[in-house]
């Protein structure tokens, strides 16, 4: 499968323990105090990237060394992907079309 250039988002923060990483994409999971977060942001991100676009969303973290999120979306949806919105079609629900872009070479 061909992928759009991966997108990596990293920080140099304290990192996360494996117990947090294991629950990170679960709906309503949060490490914030009660009333300071809904815990749905990462779950929704996972639904968009993995379920809707058949992509990959990974979290790599090491305590004391920061965290990196890696996002990959296929250029073309697999033939066994769910039909309709999951194939990147434009609809009233706000799904978007994913298309590769040409990147000019440095000159």
Protein backbone atom coordinates (compact mmCIF):
# COMPACT_ATOMS: atom_id res chain seq x y z
CA UNK A 1 0.00 0.00 0.00
CA UNK A 2 1.29 3.49 -0.83
CA UNK A 3 1.10 6.08 1.92
CA UNK A 4 1.01 9.85 1.94
CA UNK A 5 4.22 11.16 3.49
CA UNK A 6 3.99 10.41 7.21
CA UNK A 7 3.22 13.25 9.57
CA UNK A 8 5.16 13.19 12.83
CA UNK A 9 4.33 15.43 15.79
CA UNK A 10 6.83 15.25 18.62
CA UNK A 11 7.69 17.01 21.86
CA UNK A 12 10.53 16.89 24.34
CA UNK A 13 8.28 16.61 27.39
CA UNK A 14 8.39 14.05 30.19
CA UNK A 15 6.95 11.21 28.06
CA UNK A 16 4.18 8.82 29.02
CA UNK A 17 4.23 5.48 30.83
CA UNK A 18 3.08 2.42 28.88
CA UNK A 19 -0.08 2.19 31.00
CA UNK A 20 -1.19 5.59 29.64
CA UNK A 21 -0.21 4.76 26.05
CA UNK A 22 -2.26 1.55 26.23
CA UNK A 23 -5.42 3.57 27.02
CA UNK A 24 -4.66 6.70 25.01
CA UNK A 25 -7.17 6.13 22.20
CA UNK A 26 -9.98 4.86 24.47
CA UNK A 27 -13.05 7.12 24.55
CA UNK A 28 -13.22 9.31 27.68
CA UNK A 29 -9.72 8.40 28.89
CA UNK A 30 -7.88 11.42 30.27
CA UNK A 31 -4.93 12.11 32.52
CA UNK A 32 -6.34 15.52 33.43
CA UNK A 33 -8.16 16.28 36.69
CA UNK A 34 -11.93 15.83 36.81
CA UNK A 35 -13.64 18.63 34.92
CA UNK A 36 -10.51 19.59 32.94
CA UNK A 37 -10.90 17.41 29.86
CA UNK A 38 -13.41 15.24 28.06
CA UNK A 39 -11.04 12.48 27.00
CA UNK A 40 -12.49 12.28 23.50
CA UNK A 41 -9.86 14.11 21.42
CA UNK A 42 -7.51 11.19 20.85
CA UNK A 43 -10.41 8.78 20.39
CA UNK A 44 -11.89 10.98 17.66
CA UNK A 45 -8.45 11.35 16.03
CA UNK A 46 -8.15 7.56 15.97
CA UNK A 47 -11.61 7.19 14.41
CA UNK A 48 -10.78 9.69 11.65
CA UNK A 49 -7.33 8.34 10.76
CA UNK A 50 -7.76 4.59 11.31
CA UNK A 51 -11.45 3.81 10.88
CA UNK A 52 -12.52 6.41 8.32
CA UNK A 53 -9.34 6.65 6.21
CA UNK A 54 -7.85 3.17 6.86
CA UNK A 55 -4.65 4.83 8.05
CA UNK A 56 -2.31 4.43 10.99
CA UNK A 57 -2.02 6.51 14.15
CA UNK A 58 0.80 5.53 16.48
CA UNK A 59 2.12 6.92 19.73
CA UNK A 60 5.76 6.43 20.63
CA UNK A 61 6.87 7.66 24.01
CA UNK A 62 9.75 7.20 26.37
CA UNK A 63 9.77 8.48 29.92
CA UNK A 64 12.14 11.43 30.18
CA UNK A 65 12.54 11.69 26.39
CA UNK A 66 9.22 12.97 25.03
CA UNK A 67 6.41 11.66 22.88
CA UNK A 68 5.88 11.34 19.13
CA UNK A 69 2.64 10.74 17.23
CA UNK A 70 2.97 9.29 13.74
CA UNK A 71 0.08 9.65 11.27
CA UNK A 72 -0.07 7.78 7.96
CA UNK A 73 -2.95 7.82 5.49
CA UNK A 74 -3.03 5.64 2.35
CA UNK A 75 -3.00 7.40 -1.02
CA UNK A 76 -5.71 5.03 -2.21
CA UNK A 77 -8.22 3.27 0.03
CA UNK A 78 -7.94 -0.54 0.08
CA UNK A 79 -10.60 -2.36 -1.93
CA UNK A 80 -11.94 -3.98 1.25
CA UNK A 81 -12.42 -0.61 3.03
CA UNK A 82 -15.94 0.25 4.14
CA UNK A 83 -17.94 1.93 1.38
CA UNK A 84 -19.12 5.52 1.37
CA UNK A 85 -17.59 8.01 3.76
CA UNK A 86 -14.78 5.64 4.75
CA UNK A 87 -13.35 5.87 1.26
CA UNK A 88 -12.68 9.59 1.54
CA UNK A 89 -15.70 10.75 -0.42
CA UNK A 90 -17.14 14.17 0.19
CA UNK A 91 -20.51 14.12 1.91
CA UNK A 92 -22.73 16.30 4.03
CA UNK A 93 -21.23 14.79 7.17
CA UNK A 94 -17.95 16.61 6.59
CA UNK A 95 -15.77 13.73 5.35
CA UNK A 96 -12.93 14.99 3.20
CA UNK A 97 -11.18 13.66 0.15
CA UNK A 98 -7.54 12.71 0.69
CA UNK A 99 -5.39 13.32 -2.37
CA UNK A 100 -1.62 13.28 -2.81
CA UNK A 101 0.10 16.56 -3.60
CA UNK A 102 3.13 17.20 -5.76
CA UNK A 103 6.07 18.59 -3.81
CA UNK A 104 8.52 20.60 -5.91
CA UNK A 105 12.14 19.58 -5.57
CA UNK A 106 14.46 22.14 -4.01
CA UNK A 107 16.15 24.09 -6.69
